[in-house]
Amino acid sequence: RLHKGVYHLGYNFFVWLFQIGRRFLMVQINGESIDAAGKTLSAYLAENNYIIEGIAVECNEKIIPKQKYNEYTLSDGDIVEIVSFVGGGQ
């Protein structure tokens, strides 16, 4: 049986390693680091209440066609820009 302090130190070290690893699984979306790596684009958009018909998505400087949102999986380090169309004028 380990000393209580040794067990606690080991646990904290494990938690620290886990947090370090999670930092590398980030996607930059509209300039903000988001933990979305591994999700499909459609899942991320649905979770964040985007209306698909009113947006365009660019990933790593390439426009993603709407029919590919279900197939496109966000990867660590992706840079995503989501733009919304806004009507207006005089």
N, C-alpha and C. Protein backbone atom coordinates (compact mmCIF):
# COMPACT_ATOMS: atom_id res chain seq x y z
N ARG A 1 0.84 -1.18 0.00
CA ARG A 1 0.00 0.00 0.00
C ARG A 1 0.88 1.25 0.00
N LEU A 2 0.59 2.17 -0.89
CA LEU A 2 1.39 3.38 -0.99
C LEU A 2 1.00 4.39 0.06
N HIS A 3 1.95 5.23 0.40
CA HIS A 3 1.68 6.33 1.31
C HIS A 3 0.68 7.26 0.65
N LYS A 4 -0.22 7.81 1.42
CA LYS A 4 -1.28 8.67 0.90
C LYS A 4 -0.74 9.81 0.03
N GLY A 5 0.35 10.43 0.46
CA GLY A 5 0.93 11.54 -0.30
C GLY A 5 1.49 11.10 -1.65
N VAL A 6 2.07 9.90 -1.69
CA VAL A 6 2.62 9.38 -2.94
C VAL A 6 1.49 9.11 -3.93
N TYR A 7 0.42 8.49 -3.47
CA TYR A 7 -0.74 8.23 -4.33
C TYR A 7 -1.29 9.55 -4.88
N HIS A 8 -1.43 10.53 -4.01
CA HIS A 8 -1.99 11.82 -4.43
C HIS A 8 -1.10 12.49 -5.47
N LEU A 9 0.21 12.45 -5.27
CA LEU A 9 1.14 13.03 -6.24
C LEU A 9 1.01 12.31 -7.58
N GLY A 10 0.92 10.99 -7.56
CA GLY A 10 0.76 10.25 -8.80
C GLY A 10 -0.53 10.60 -9.53
N TYR A 11 -1.60 10.74 -8.79
CA TYR A 11 -2.89 11.11 -9.38
C TYR A 11 -2.82 12.49 -10.01
N ASN A 12 -2.25 13.45 -9.30
CA ASN A 12 -2.12 14.81 -9.84
C ASN A 12 -1.27 14.82 -11.11
N PHE A 13 -0.22 14.02 -11.11
CA PHE A 13 0.62 13.94 -12.30
C PHE A 13 -0.17 13.39 -13.48
N PHE A 14 -0.98 12.36 -13.25
CA PHE A 14 -1.82 11.80 -14.30
C PHE A 14 -2.80 12.85 -14.83
N VAL A 15 -3.44 13.58 -13.94
CA VAL A 15 -4.38 14.63 -14.35
C VAL A 15 -3.66 15.68 -15.17
N TRP A 16 -2.46 16.07 -14.74
CA TRP A 16 -1.68 17.07 -15.46
C TRP A 16 -1.34 16.58 -16.87
N LEU A 17 -0.91 15.32 -16.99
CA LEU A 17 -0.61 14.76 -18.31
C LEU A 17 -1.85 14.75 -19.20
N PHE A 18 -2.98 14.38 -18.63
CA PHE A 18 -4.22 14.36 -19.40
C PHE A 18 -4.56 15.75 -19.92
N GLN A 19 -4.41 16.76 -19.07
CA GLN A 19 -4.72 18.13 -19.48
C GLN A 19 -3.75 18.61 -20.55
N ILE A 20 -2.48 18.25 -20.43
CA ILE A 20 -1.49 18.62 -21.45
C ILE A 20 -1.90 18.01 -22.79
N GLY A 21 -2.26 16.73 -22.78
CA GLY A 21 -2.66 16.06 -24.01
C GLY A 21 -3.88 16.69 -24.64
N ARG A 22 -4.83 17.11 -23.83
CA ARG A 22 -6.05 17.73 -24.36
C ARG A 22 -5.76 19.05 -25.04
N ARG A 23 -4.75 19.74 -24.60
CA ARG A 23 -4.43 21.03 -25.21
C ARG A 23 -4.05 20.89 -26.67
N PHE A 24 -3.52 19.74 -27.04
CA PHE A 24 -3.08 19.54 -28.41
C PHE A 24 -4.21 19.08 -29.32
N LEU A 25 -5.36 18.75 -28.75
CA LEU A 25 -6.49 18.30 -29.56
C LEU A 25 -7.48 19.44 -29.72
N MET A 26 -7.00 20.54 -30.24
CA MET A 26 -7.83 21.73 -30.36
C MET A 26 -8.00 22.12 -31.82
N VAL A 27 -9.12 22.76 -32.06
CA VAL A 27 -9.44 23.30 -33.37
C VAL A 27 -9.64 24.79 -33.18
N GLN A 28 -9.09 25.59 -34.06
CA GLN A 28 -9.30 27.03 -33.96
C GLN A 28 -10.52 27.38 -34.80
N ILE A 29 -11.57 27.87 -34.14
CA ILE A 29 -12.80 28.21 -34.84
C ILE A 29 -13.08 29.68 -34.60
N ASN A 30 -13.11 30.43 -35.69
CA ASN A 30 -13.30 31.88 -35.64
C ASN A 30 -12.35 32.53 -34.63
N GLY A 31 -11.10 32.08 -34.64
CA GLY A 31 -10.07 32.68 -33.80
C GLY A 31 -10.02 32.19 -32.37
N GLU A 32 -10.86 31.24 -32.00
CA GLU A 32 -10.89 30.72 -30.63
C GLU A 32 -10.55 29.24 -30.62
N SER A 33 -9.70 28.82 -29.68
CA SER A 33 -9.35 27.41 -29.56
C SER A 33 -10.51 26.65 -28.92
N ILE A 34 -11.00 25.64 -29.62
CA ILE A 34 -12.16 24.87 -29.20
C ILE A 34 -11.78 23.39 -29.16
N ASP A 35 -12.27 22.68 -28.16
CA ASP A 35 -12.04 21.24 -28.05
C ASP A 35 -13.07 20.53 -28.93
N ALA A 36 -12.81 20.52 -30.24
CA ALA A 36 -13.77 19.94 -31.18
C ALA A 36 -13.13 18.89 -32.09
N ALA A 37 -11.85 18.60 -31.89
CA ALA A 37 -11.18 17.60 -32.73
C ALA A 37 -11.88 16.25 -32.58
N GLY A 38 -12.11 15.60 -33.71
CA GLY A 38 -12.77 14.31 -33.72
C GLY A 38 -14.26 14.38 -33.98
N LYS A 39 -14.84 15.57 -33.89
CA LYS A 39 -16.27 15.74 -34.18
C LYS A 39 -16.44 16.00 -35.67
N THR A 40 -17.59 15.61 -36.19
CA THR A 40 -17.89 16.01 -37.56
C THR A 40 -18.29 17.48 -37.55
N LEU A 41 -18.12 18.09 -38.68
CA LEU A 41 -18.50 19.50 -38.80
C LEU A 41 -19.98 19.68 -38.51
N SER A 42 -20.82 18.78 -39.01
CA SER A 42 -22.26 18.90 -38.78
C SER A 42 -22.59 18.78 -37.29
N ALA A 43 -21.89 17.89 -36.56
CA ALA A 43 -22.14 17.73 -35.12
C ALA A 43 -21.75 19.01 -34.38
N TYR A 44 -20.60 19.58 -34.71
CA TYR A 44 -20.19 20.82 -34.05
C TYR A 44 -21.19 21.94 -34.32
N LEU A 45 -21.61 22.07 -35.57
CA LEU A 45 -22.55 23.13 -35.93
C LEU A 45 -23.89 22.95 -35.21
N ALA A 46 -24.37 21.72 -35.13
CA ALA A 46 -25.64 21.45 -34.44
C ALA A 46 -25.53 21.76 -32.94
N GLU A 47 -24.41 21.35 -32.31
CA GLU A 47 -24.21 21.61 -30.88
C GLU A 47 -24.18 23.10 -30.57
N ASN A 48 -23.78 23.89 -31.54
CA ASN A 48 -23.65 25.33 -31.33
C ASN A 48 -24.75 26.14 -32.01
N ASN A 49 -25.83 25.45 -32.38
CA ASN A 49 -27.05 26.07 -32.89
C ASN A 49 -26.88 26.92 -34.14
N TYR A 50 -25.98 26.49 -35.02
CA TYR A 50 -25.85 27.19 -36.30
C TYR A 50 -26.96 26.75 -37.22
N ILE A 51 -27.49 27.67 -38.01
CA ILE A 51 -28.48 27.35 -39.03
C ILE A 51 -27.71 27.15 -40.34
N ILE A 52 -27.66 25.91 -40.79
CA ILE A 52 -26.82 25.51 -41.91
C ILE A 52 -27.07 26.35 -43.17
N GLU A 53 -28.32 26.67 -43.42
CA GLU A 53 -28.67 27.41 -44.64
C GLU A 53 -28.10 28.82 -44.64
N GLY A 54 -27.78 29.37 -43.48
CA GLY A 54 -27.33 30.76 -43.41
C GLY A 54 -25.85 30.95 -43.15
N ILE A 55 -25.05 29.89 -43.37
CA ILE A 55 -23.62 30.01 -43.09
C ILE A 55 -22.78 29.43 -44.22
N ALA A 56 -21.50 29.78 -44.19
CA ALA A 56 -20.50 29.14 -45.03
C ALA A 56 -19.34 28.78 -44.11
N VAL A 57 -18.69 27.65 -44.39
CA VAL A 57 -17.60 27.17 -43.54
C VAL A 57 -16.35 26.98 -44.38
N GLU A 58 -15.27 27.56 -43.89
CA GLU A 58 -13.96 27.40 -44.52
C GLU A 58 -13.07 26.67 -43.52
N CYS A 59 -12.40 25.63 -43.96
CA CYS A 59 -11.48 24.89 -43.10
C CYS A 59 -10.12 24.82 -43.79
N ASN A 60 -9.12 25.33 -43.10
CA ASN A 60 -7.76 25.36 -43.65
C ASN A 60 -7.73 25.99 -45.04
N GLU A 61 -8.44 27.11 -45.15
CA GLU A 61 -8.49 27.93 -46.36
C GLU A 61 -9.21 27.27 -47.54
N LYS A 62 -10.05 26.27 -47.26
CA LYS A 62 -10.86 25.64 -48.31
C LYS A 62 -12.31 25.65 -47.87
N ILE A 63 -13.20 26.06 -48.78
CA ILE A 63 -14.63 26.06 -48.50
C ILE A 63 -15.11 24.60 -48.45
N ILE A 64 -15.86 24.27 -47.40
CA ILE A 64 -16.42 22.93 -47.27
C ILE A 64 -17.86 22.98 -47.79
N PRO A 65 -18.19 22.21 -48.82
CA PRO A 65 -19.57 22.20 -49.33
C PRO A 65 -20.54 21.66 -48.26
N LYS A 66 -21.72 22.23 -48.21
CA LYS A 66 -22.72 21.84 -47.20
C LYS A 66 -22.99 20.33 -47.22
N GLN A 67 -23.01 19.72 -48.39
CA GLN A 67 -23.30 18.28 -48.47
C GLN A 67 -22.17 17.43 -47.87
N LYS A 68 -21.02 18.02 -47.55
CA LYS A 68 -19.89 17.31 -46.95
C LYS A 68 -19.79 17.50 -45.43
N TYR A 69 -20.66 18.31 -44.84
CA TYR A 69 -20.58 18.60 -43.39
C TYR A 69 -20.66 17.32 -42.55
N ASN A 70 -21.49 16.34 -42.97
CA ASN A 70 -21.60 15.09 -42.21
C ASN A 70 -20.34 14.23 -42.32
N GLU A 71 -19.61 14.38 -43.40
CA GLU A 71 -18.42 13.56 -43.65
C GLU A 71 -17.14 14.19 -43.13
N TYR A 72 -17.13 15.51 -43.00
CA TYR A 72 -15.89 16.21 -42.65
C TYR A 72 -15.65 16.13 -41.14
N THR A 73 -14.55 15.51 -40.73
CA THR A 73 -14.19 15.39 -39.32
C THR A 73 -13.13 16.43 -39.00
N LEU A 74 -13.40 17.21 -37.97
CA LEU A 74 -12.44 18.22 -37.53
C LEU A 74 -11.23 17.54 -36.92
N SER A 75 -10.05 18.03 -37.27
CA SER A 75 -8.79 17.44 -36.81
C SER A 75 -8.01 18.43 -35.97
N ASP A 76 -7.15 17.90 -35.14
CA ASP A 76 -6.27 18.71 -34.31
C ASP A 76 -5.52 19.70 -35.19
N GLY A 77 -5.58 20.97 -34.83
CA GLY A 77 -4.85 22.00 -35.56
C GLY A 77 -5.61 22.64 -36.70
N ASP A 78 -6.81 22.14 -37.02
CA ASP A 78 -7.60 22.76 -38.09
C ASP A 78 -7.90 24.22 -37.75
N ILE A 79 -7.95 25.04 -38.78
CA ILE A 79 -8.35 26.44 -38.62
C ILE A 79 -9.64 26.61 -39.40
N VAL A 80 -10.70 26.90 -38.67
CA VAL A 80 -12.05 26.96 -39.25
C VAL A 80 -12.60 28.37 -39.11
N GLU A 81 -13.21 28.85 -40.17
CA GLU A 81 -13.92 30.13 -40.15
C GLU A 81 -15.37 29.84 -40.52
N ILE A 82 -16.29 30.29 -39.69
CA ILE A 82 -17.72 30.13 -39.95
C ILE A 82 -18.28 31.55 -40.12
N VAL A 83 -18.84 31.80 -41.27
CA VAL A 83 -19.42 33.12 -41.54
C VAL A 83 -20.90 32.99 -41.76
N SER A 84 -21.63 33.95 -41.24
CA SER A 84 -23.09 34.00 -41.40
C SER A 84 -23.45 35.05 -42.42
N PHE A 85 -24.48 34.76 -43.19
CA PHE A 85 -24.98 35.72 -44.15
C PHE A 85 -25.98 36.63 -43.47
N VAL A 86 -25.83 37.92 -43.68
CA VAL A 86 -26.70 38.90 -43.05
C VAL A 86 -27.31 39.75 -44.16
N GLY A 87 -28.63 39.82 -44.16
CA GLY A 87 -29.31 40.65 -45.13
C GLY A 87 -29.44 42.08 -44.61
N GLY A 88 -29.66 42.97 -45.49
CA GLY A 88 -29.84 44.36 -45.06
C GLY A 88 -29.63 45.30 -46.22
N GLY A 89 -29.54 46.53 -45.90
CA GLY A 89 -29.35 47.54 -46.94
C GLY A 89 -30.56 48.46 -46.98
N GLN A 90 -30.53 49.33 -47.95
CA GLN A 90 -31.63 50.31 -48.04
C GLN A 90 -32.41 50.13 -49.31
